[in-house]
Protein backbone atom coordinates (compact mmCIF):
# COMPACT_ATOMS: atom_id res chain seq x y z
CA MET A 1 4.87 89.88 -49.60
CA ALA A 2 4.27 87.75 -52.62
CA VAL A 3 1.58 87.74 -55.16
CA TYR A 4 0.59 83.98 -55.47
CA ASN A 5 -0.95 82.38 -58.49
CA LEU A 6 -2.63 78.96 -59.51
CA LYS A 7 -3.74 77.18 -62.87
CA THR A 8 -5.96 74.50 -63.42
CA VAL A 9 -7.19 73.02 -66.90
CA GLN A 10 -9.90 70.21 -67.42
CA LYS A 11 -11.46 69.22 -70.57
CA LEU A 12 -15.18 68.28 -70.28
CA PRO A 13 -16.81 66.18 -72.92
CA VAL A 14 -19.86 68.69 -73.56
CA THR A 15 -20.87 71.52 -75.46
CA LEU A 16 -19.49 75.06 -75.24
CA GLU A 17 -23.01 75.89 -74.46
CA LYS A 18 -23.89 73.54 -72.03
CA ALA A 19 -20.54 74.75 -69.87
CA TRP A 20 -21.01 78.30 -70.70
CA ASP A 21 -24.59 77.52 -69.14
CA PHE A 22 -23.44 75.91 -66.03
CA PHE A 23 -20.67 77.93 -65.02
CA SER A 24 -21.71 81.47 -66.13
CA SER A 25 -24.71 81.13 -63.49
CA PRO A 26 -23.80 82.43 -60.01
CA ALA A 27 -26.65 79.72 -58.63
CA ASN A 28 -24.20 76.87 -59.64
CA LEU A 29 -21.35 77.75 -57.61
CA ALA A 30 -22.27 76.07 -54.24
CA ASP A 31 -22.58 72.86 -56.23
CA ILE A 32 -19.02 72.94 -57.29
CA THR A 33 -17.47 74.19 -53.97
CA PRO A 34 -16.60 71.70 -50.99
CA ALA A 35 -19.36 71.60 -48.36
CA LYS A 36 -17.20 71.95 -45.61
CA MET A 37 -16.45 75.41 -46.95
CA GLY A 38 -19.91 76.64 -45.77
CA PHE A 39 -20.18 78.60 -49.04
CA HIS A 40 -23.81 80.35 -48.95
CA ILE A 41 -24.94 83.40 -51.52
CA ILE A 42 -26.23 85.99 -49.56
CA SER A 43 -26.67 88.92 -51.84
CA ALA A 44 -30.29 89.59 -53.04
CA HIS A 45 -29.91 90.85 -56.73
CA HIS A 46 -26.71 88.59 -57.67
CA GLY A 47 -28.81 87.92 -61.38
CA ALA A 48 -28.97 84.73 -63.13
CA LYS A 49 -26.15 84.71 -65.56
CA MET A 50 -22.61 86.52 -65.11
CA TYR A 51 -22.43 90.41 -66.45
CA PRO A 52 -19.81 92.95 -65.75
CA GLY A 53 -20.66 95.04 -62.78
CA GLN A 54 -22.48 91.83 -61.18
CA ILE A 55 -22.02 91.93 -57.16
CA ILE A 56 -22.16 88.74 -55.69
CA GLU A 57 -22.01 88.39 -51.89
CA TYR A 58 -21.44 85.22 -50.11
CA THR A 59 -20.34 83.64 -47.11
CA VAL A 60 -17.52 80.92 -46.80
CA LYS A 61 -16.36 79.31 -43.63
CA PRO A 62 -12.02 78.76 -44.32
CA LEU A 63 -11.12 78.63 -41.14
CA PHE A 64 -12.68 77.11 -37.61
CA ASN A 65 -16.12 76.95 -39.13
CA ILE A 66 -16.07 80.95 -38.63
CA PRO A 67 -17.96 82.61 -41.35
CA LEU A 68 -16.30 85.26 -43.25
CA TYR A 69 -17.81 87.96 -45.83
CA TRP A 70 -16.89 87.84 -49.30
CA MET A 71 -17.95 90.28 -52.22
CA THR A 72 -17.05 89.51 -55.86
CA GLU A 73 -17.38 91.67 -58.64
CA ILE A 74 -17.72 90.01 -62.34
CA THR A 75 -15.49 92.84 -64.17
CA HIS A 76 -15.62 90.98 -67.43
CA VAL A 77 -17.47 88.88 -69.65
CA GLN A 78 -17.18 87.71 -72.92
CA GLU A 79 -19.72 84.90 -73.79
CA GLY A 80 -19.11 81.83 -74.38
CA ARG A 81 -15.09 82.65 -74.02
CA TYR A 82 -14.31 83.76 -70.35
CA PHE A 83 -15.09 86.29 -67.20
CA VAL A 84 -13.68 87.34 -64.50
CA ASP A 85 -14.48 87.66 -61.07
CA GLU A 86 -12.45 89.91 -58.53
CA GLN A 87 -12.94 90.29 -54.86
CA ARG A 88 -14.37 93.45 -53.49
CA PHE A 89 -14.20 92.76 -49.62
CA GLY A 90 -13.06 89.69 -48.13
CA PRO A 91 -10.02 87.95 -46.95
CA TYR A 92 -7.64 88.21 -49.34
CA THR A 93 -5.43 91.71 -50.10
CA MET A 94 -6.14 90.88 -53.51
CA TRP A 95 -8.11 87.97 -55.39
CA HIS A 96 -8.48 87.82 -59.50
CA HIS A 97 -9.93 85.26 -60.91
CA GLN A 98 -9.75 84.15 -64.90
CA HIS A 99 -12.58 81.75 -66.05
CA HIS A 100 -11.61 80.62 -69.81
CA PHE A 101 -13.55 78.61 -72.14
CA LYS A 102 -12.40 77.17 -75.33
CA SER A 103 -14.00 74.96 -77.86
CA ILE A 104 -12.09 71.44 -78.59
CA GLU A 105 -12.98 68.64 -80.39
CA GLY A 106 -14.90 66.29 -78.48
CA GLY A 107 -16.01 69.02 -75.97
CA VAL A 108 -14.68 72.12 -73.98
CA GLU A 109 -11.32 73.07 -72.53
CA MET A 110 -12.00 75.02 -69.29
CA THR A 111 -9.07 77.18 -67.72
CA ASP A 112 -9.05 78.84 -64.02
CA ILE A 113 -6.10 81.35 -63.61
CA VAL A 114 -5.98 82.69 -59.91
CA HIS A 115 -3.77 85.83 -58.92
CA TYR A 116 -4.20 86.29 -55.00
CA LYS A 117 -2.41 88.29 -52.47
CA LEU A 118 -2.65 87.66 -48.21
CA PRO A 119 -2.49 90.31 -46.16
CA LEU A 120 -0.04 90.83 -42.97
CA TRP A 121 2.96 91.02 -45.15
CA VAL A 122 5.07 88.12 -43.85
CA LEU A 123 2.40 86.62 -42.12
CA GLY A 124 0.37 86.16 -44.83
CA ASP A 125 3.30 84.44 -47.06
CA ILE A 126 3.77 82.04 -43.86
CA ALA A 127 -0.18 81.33 -43.68
CA ASN A 128 0.03 80.82 -47.37
CA SER A 129 2.97 78.24 -46.97
CA LEU A 130 1.29 76.74 -44.01
CA PHE A 131 -2.70 76.28 -45.14
CA VAL A 132 -4.06 78.54 -47.76
CA ARG A 133 -2.21 77.65 -50.77
CA ARG A 134 -3.15 74.14 -49.94
CA GLN A 135 -6.82 74.56 -49.05
CA LEU A 136 -6.92 76.61 -52.70
CA ASP A 137 -5.66 73.45 -53.99
CA ASP A 138 -8.09 70.89 -52.11
CA ILE A 139 -11.13 73.73 -53.41
CA PHE A 140 -9.97 73.26 -56.88
CA ASN A 141 -9.34 69.70 -56.65
CA PHE A 142 -12.78 69.16 -55.28
CA ARG A 143 -14.40 71.46 -58.58
CA TYR A 144 -11.95 69.00 -60.79
CA LYS A 145 -13.89 66.01 -59.39
CA LYS A 146 -17.46 67.43 -59.01
CA VAL A 147 -17.30 68.58 -62.65
CA GLU A 148 -16.55 65.35 -63.84
CA ASP A 149 -19.26 63.84 -62.10
CA LEU A 150 -21.95 66.26 -63.51
CA PHE A 151 -20.53 66.44 -67.31
CA GLY A 152 -18.26 62.97 -67.47
CA ARG A 153 -14.93 61.98 -67.51
CA TRP A 154 -12.88 63.16 -70.43
CA SER A 155 -11.58 60.00 -72.35
């Protein structure tokens, strides 16, 4: 019954303001999620920009094209520096996702840190080994490439 984590770091050749403006908008989430995940925001009042207490509801289709309901809450926001989303309802027992942004020479360093736990004790651990971790790695690899397409490759 483990808590798993993953971390990605990406450098973007854009200003902090441009990176923050894009990533702090829930409307852009679908653009950086693989189409095969069937990501669709369903909340009526999710707002244009991230703010503490914000609830975002969506459906995803991670397995066999079956839609799953997922609700996250934006629990922390420090403008231009970081925000945190936490699952309130969804497929994980725990999901805590930190998004950090830092100005560096020539652009922005963006770091994602995710801690997650799966349900069903040892069955969840087996599922993580068989496909969940690989699927999360695929999602973050897709996101990395999509962000390069949108903002350019770090030289």
